[in-house]
Structures are given as structure tokens and as C-alpha cells.
Amino acid sequence: MRTTVLVADDHAIVRDGLVSHLSMQPDFEIVGTASNGREAVAQALALEPRVAIFDISMPELSGVDAARQILAKLPETSIVVLSMHATAEHVFQALEAGVRGYLLKECAGGEIIEAVRQVLDGRRYLSPKVAEIVAEGVGSRSAPSPIDSLSKREREIFKLVADGYSSAEIGKMLYLSSKTVDSYRSRMMQKLRVSDVTGLVKLAIQHGLTSLY
């Protein structure tokens, strides 16, 4: 039986490159692709892939939050994330979400096949640099992330605000009124101790929830 794989990345060149590379394996079948986190969740729940490969910084929903939502309903799906971030905070957030593999984008092309095969065997795969961070232990993440104080809904809205969506647009996506979105937004900003959208965007970039490009 061929291994079904879902690939999600907001950069078409990266996404197409991964699909091409993975498709060369006769026992892999690419069943779907996605260009943002929310689409990735919808595709995963519909297709139930054996493996899902996500960029960690995607529009609408980060790879880590997408992983949480998928694994809550599809615990048998193994998730591998790709990232430009090699900090302890990013790595531990991903591992705590249930991700089985963490690769750095700079070397993902050469490692992705090995990573997928290892997670299929029930093992975890970490890029060498990432493995070094984990080996140093949780001491490097002694201070809790302010993002951890947010509820699931607040994290969603935080991500969407940082991506530049208005309250009305967010309301349509999440089936909420603009007033409700504004209430979540106000409470979220209090928890994060920021006073404006610029502060939210800076915080989102620091924690890998959005990017500058």
C-alpha cells in the first residue's frame, strides 16, 4: 500500500519542489496540497493522509496550530514541519503539539525522504541542528511563551490579525460577528501586553506565527 502524503506551504516554489521530490518515491502518493494553515486542516480532515508535511509559518493558521487541530481528530497522521526557525521555543512548541519531525528549510530537500520514512516507522526525526537544541534540554526555554496564555480561539485571531485581516474578514472566516472578534482581540492584546497591531505583528514574527514575506 502506498503512503498518502499531504504537502502544505504558502510558497508555490517550495510546495511544488516538495511534491516533485516526494513523487519520485514509488511508494509515496501525494493526495493533496495546501497554501495556508486553514486549508491544510480542511484537506487533512477530508483526505486523512498518513503523513502531512507543513511549513511552520503559513497564512491564516500556523503549522503548529494546524498540527494540533489535525492530531486532535486524526492521531494516526504523522506530521513533519519545515521551518526557517531553529530556536528552542519553536522546536518545543512543535514537539508539544505532537509533531513527529522538525526539519530546517535550508536542508529539507535532502532530508525529507528520510524524515518521512522515520516517522512512518514510529520514530521522531529532527534536523541535526534541531537535535542539538533538544539535547541541550528544556532549560533554554525556562521562560514560558506569552503565546501559551492564549486560548485556541485567541491564537487563531492573533494569527489572522498579524496576517493583516480585518475584524470583518476574520468574522467571516470563523463565523463570528465583528463585535465578537473585537472582544477576542482586546482580551488577547491585554494578555500579550501589546497596545497596537504593530506590536502584535512583531510578536507573531518573533514566535514564527507569521513572516515578513
Protein backbone atom coordinates (compact mmCIF):
# COMPACT_ATOMS: atom_id res chain seq x y z
CA MET A 1 0.00 0.00 0.00
CA ARG A 2 1.34 3.45 -0.92
CA THR A 3 1.87 6.09 1.77
CA THR A 4 -0.52 9.01 1.33
CA VAL A 5 1.06 12.44 1.82
CA LEU A 6 -0.32 15.98 2.15
CA VAL A 7 2.01 18.94 1.49
CA ALA A 8 1.27 22.47 2.76
CA ASP A 9 3.42 25.53 2.14
CA ASP A 10 2.43 29.07 1.19
CA HIS A 11 5.35 29.38 -1.24
CA ALA A 12 4.40 27.68 -4.52
CA ILE A 13 8.02 27.01 -5.50
CA VAL A 14 8.74 25.22 -2.22
CA ARG A 15 5.45 23.34 -2.31
CA ASP A 16 5.91 22.20 -5.91
CA GLY A 17 9.52 21.23 -5.21
CA LEU A 18 8.48 19.05 -2.28
CA VAL A 19 5.72 17.43 -4.30
CA SER A 20 8.12 16.69 -7.16
CA HIS A 21 10.77 15.28 -4.83
CA LEU A 22 8.34 13.09 -2.89
CA SER A 23 6.58 11.88 -6.04
CA MET A 24 9.82 10.26 -7.19
CA GLN A 25 9.35 7.65 -4.46
CA PRO A 26 7.24 4.79 -5.89
CA ASP A 27 5.64 4.06 -2.52
CA PHE A 28 4.52 7.67 -1.85
CA GLU A 29 1.28 9.17 -3.15
CA ILE A 30 0.64 12.93 -2.92
CA VAL A 31 -3.08 13.16 -2.20
CA GLY A 32 -3.34 16.91 -1.66
CA THR A 33 -1.62 20.27 -1.34
CA ALA A 34 -2.49 23.44 0.55
CA SER A 35 -1.25 27.03 0.57
CA ASN A 36 -2.33 28.07 4.08
CA GLY A 37 -2.89 26.55 7.50
CA ARG A 38 -6.67 26.56 7.45
CA GLU A 39 -6.75 24.88 4.05
CA ALA A 40 -4.23 22.33 5.31
CA VAL A 41 -6.53 21.37 8.18
CA ALA A 42 -9.54 21.04 5.87
CA GLN A 43 -7.57 18.92 3.39
CA ALA A 44 -6.18 16.68 6.12
CA LEU A 45 -9.58 16.04 7.69
CA ALA A 46 -11.07 15.25 4.27
CA LEU A 47 -8.20 13.11 2.93
CA GLU A 48 -6.82 11.55 6.14
CA PRO A 49 -3.23 11.32 4.87
CA ARG A 50 -0.74 9.04 6.58
CA VAL A 51 1.81 11.87 6.60
CA ALA A 52 1.35 15.64 6.46
CA ILE A 53 4.26 17.99 5.73
CA PHE A 54 3.72 21.60 6.83
CA ASP A 55 5.56 24.88 6.67
CA ILE A 56 5.55 26.20 10.23
CA SER A 57 4.79 29.82 9.21
CA MET A 58 1.71 29.83 6.98
CA PRO A 59 -1.10 32.35 6.42
CA GLU A 60 -4.34 32.05 8.44
CA LEU A 61 -3.07 29.29 10.76
CA SER A 62 0.47 28.30 11.70
CA GLY A 63 1.78 24.82 11.04
CA VAL A 64 1.93 24.12 14.78
CA ASP A 65 -1.70 25.16 15.36
CA ALA A 66 -2.77 23.24 12.26
CA ALA A 67 -0.99 20.18 13.66
CA ARG A 68 -2.84 20.50 16.97
CA GLN A 69 -6.22 20.64 15.24
CA ILE A 70 -5.46 17.71 12.94
CA LEU A 71 -3.99 15.43 15.59
CA ALA A 72 -6.99 16.01 17.85
CA LYS A 73 -9.09 14.21 15.20
CA LEU A 74 -6.51 12.18 13.28
CA PRO A 75 -3.97 10.91 15.84
CA GLU A 76 -2.63 8.34 13.36
CA THR A 77 -1.42 11.05 10.95
CA SER A 78 2.30 11.75 11.34
CA ILE A 79 3.19 15.41 10.91
CA VAL A 80 6.54 16.79 9.79
CA VAL A 81 7.10 20.55 9.91
CA LEU A 82 9.51 22.65 7.90
CA SER A 83 10.88 25.86 9.36
CA MET A 84 13.41 28.63 8.97
CA HIS A 85 13.40 28.87 12.77
CA ALA A 86 15.87 26.87 14.85
CA THR A 87 15.18 28.31 18.30
CA ALA A 88 14.31 26.22 21.34
CA GLU A 89 10.91 27.86 21.62
CA HIS A 90 9.86 26.97 18.08
CA VAL A 91 11.13 23.42 18.38
CA PHE A 92 9.48 22.69 21.73
CA GLN A 93 6.17 24.24 20.65
CA ALA A 94 6.13 21.91 17.67
CA LEU A 95 7.06 18.82 19.68
CA GLU A 96 4.50 19.63 22.37
CA ALA A 97 1.85 19.87 19.63
CA GLY A 98 2.61 16.27 18.65
CA VAL A 99 4.76 16.87 15.58
CA ARG A 100 6.95 13.86 14.73
CA GLY A 101 9.53 15.58 12.55
CA TYR A 102 11.16 19.02 12.50
CA LEU A 103 13.34 20.00 9.54
CA LEU A 104 15.07 23.24 8.67
CA LYS A 105 14.13 24.56 5.25
CA GLU A 106 17.76 25.11 4.32
CA CYS A 107 18.36 21.36 4.19
CA ALA A 108 14.84 19.93 3.87
CA GLY A 109 15.24 18.77 0.26
CA GLY A 110 17.94 16.28 1.11
CA GLU A 111 16.34 15.07 4.34
CA ILE A 112 12.63 14.95 3.64
CA ILE A 113 12.50 11.37 2.34
CA GLU A 114 14.48 10.07 5.33
CA ALA A 115 12.29 12.10 7.69
CA VAL A 116 9.06 10.69 6.27
CA ARG A 117 10.35 7.12 6.42
CA GLN A 118 11.48 7.52 10.03
CA VAL A 119 8.15 8.91 11.24
CA LEU A 120 6.37 6.11 9.39
CA ASP A 121 8.47 3.68 11.44
CA GLY A 122 7.22 5.35 14.61
CA ARG A 123 10.37 7.33 15.25
CA ARG A 124 10.96 11.06 15.51
CA TYR A 125 13.12 12.91 13.01
CA LEU A 126 14.96 16.14 13.82
CA SER A 127 17.44 18.01 11.64
CA PRO A 128 20.95 17.83 13.19
CA LYS A 129 20.87 21.45 14.33
CA VAL A 130 17.41 20.94 15.83
CA ALA A 131 18.57 17.76 17.58
CA GLU A 132 21.35 19.78 19.23
CA ILE A 133 18.78 22.22 20.61
CA VAL A 134 16.69 19.38 22.03
CA ALA A 135 19.79 17.74 23.53
CA GLU A 136 20.54 20.91 25.46
CA GLY A 137 17.28 20.35 27.31
CA VAL A 138 14.32 22.48 28.26
CA GLY A 139 16.48 24.84 30.27
CA SER A 140 16.83 27.02 27.21
CA ARG A 141 13.10 27.56 27.34
CA SER A 142 12.80 28.31 31.02
CA ALA A 143 10.54 31.33 30.50
CA PRO A 144 7.05 30.46 29.21
CA SER A 145 6.00 31.98 25.91
CA PRO A 146 3.33 34.69 26.19
CA ILE A 147 1.53 32.89 23.36
CA ASP A 148 0.90 29.96 25.72
CA SER A 149 -1.55 32.11 27.70
CA LEU A 150 -3.92 32.40 24.73
CA SER A 151 -6.93 30.16 24.17
CA LYS A 152 -7.28 28.25 20.90
CA ARG A 153 -9.66 30.89 19.51
CA GLU A 154 -7.43 33.75 20.65
CA ARG A 155 -4.44 32.12 18.92
CA GLU A 156 -6.45 31.87 15.70
CA ILE A 157 -7.43 35.52 15.84
CA PHE A 158 -3.91 36.58 16.82
CA LYS A 159 -2.57 34.83 13.73
CA LEU A 160 -5.17 36.34 11.41
CA VAL A 161 -4.71 39.88 12.77
CA ALA A 162 -0.94 39.54 12.31
CA ASP A 163 -1.55 38.39 8.73
CA GLY A 164 -3.41 41.64 8.06
CA TYR A 165 -7.06 40.56 8.10
CA SER A 166 -9.72 42.97 9.39
CA SER A 167 -12.22 42.08 12.11
CA ALA A 168 -14.94 41.76 9.47
CA GLU A 169 -12.82 39.39 7.36
CA ILE A 170 -11.87 37.32 10.41
CA GLY A 171 -15.52 37.15 11.44
CA LYS A 172 -16.46 35.68 8.05
CA MET A 173 -13.68 33.08 8.26
CA LEU A 174 -14.55 31.98 11.80
CA TYR A 175 -18.33 32.52 11.62
CA LEU A 176 -18.24 35.20 14.30
CA SER A 177 -19.58 38.74 14.42
CA SER A 178 -17.10 41.61 14.06
CA LYS A 179 -18.02 42.68 17.59
CA THR A 180 -17.11 39.25 18.95
CA VAL A 181 -13.81 39.31 17.07
CA ASP A 182 -13.06 42.74 18.53
CA SER A 183 -13.74 41.39 22.03
CA TYR A 184 -11.33 38.48 21.49
CA ARG A 185 -8.81 40.89 20.02
CA SER A 186 -8.97 43.23 23.01
CA ARG A 187 -8.63 40.40 25.53
CA MET A 188 -5.78 38.87 23.53
CA MET A 189 -3.84 42.14 23.43
CA GLN A 190 -4.23 42.52 27.19
CA LYS A 191 -2.81 39.04 27.75
CA LEU A 192 0.11 39.72 25.40
CA ARG A 193 0.66 43.20 26.83
CA VAL A 194 0.73 44.93 23.47
CA SER A 195 -1.17 48.10 22.63
CA ASP A 196 -1.44 48.06 18.85
CA VAL A 197 -1.37 45.88 15.74
CA THR A 198 2.29 46.69 15.11
CA GLY A 199 3.15 45.12 18.47
CA LEU A 200 1.08 42.06 17.60
CA VAL A 201 2.84 41.64 14.26
CA LYS A 202 6.29 41.91 15.87
CA LEU A 203 5.32 39.28 18.43
CA ALA A 204 3.92 36.97 15.74
CA ILE A 205 7.15 37.21 13.74
CA GLN A 206 9.26 36.51 16.83
CA HIS A 207 7.27 33.36 17.55
CA GLY A 208 7.16 32.07 13.99
CA LEU A 209 3.42 32.56 13.50
CA THR A 210 3.88 34.84 10.53
CA SER A 211 6.70 36.12 8.38
CA LEU A 212 7.84 39.22 6.56
CA TYR A 213 7.31 37.71 3.13
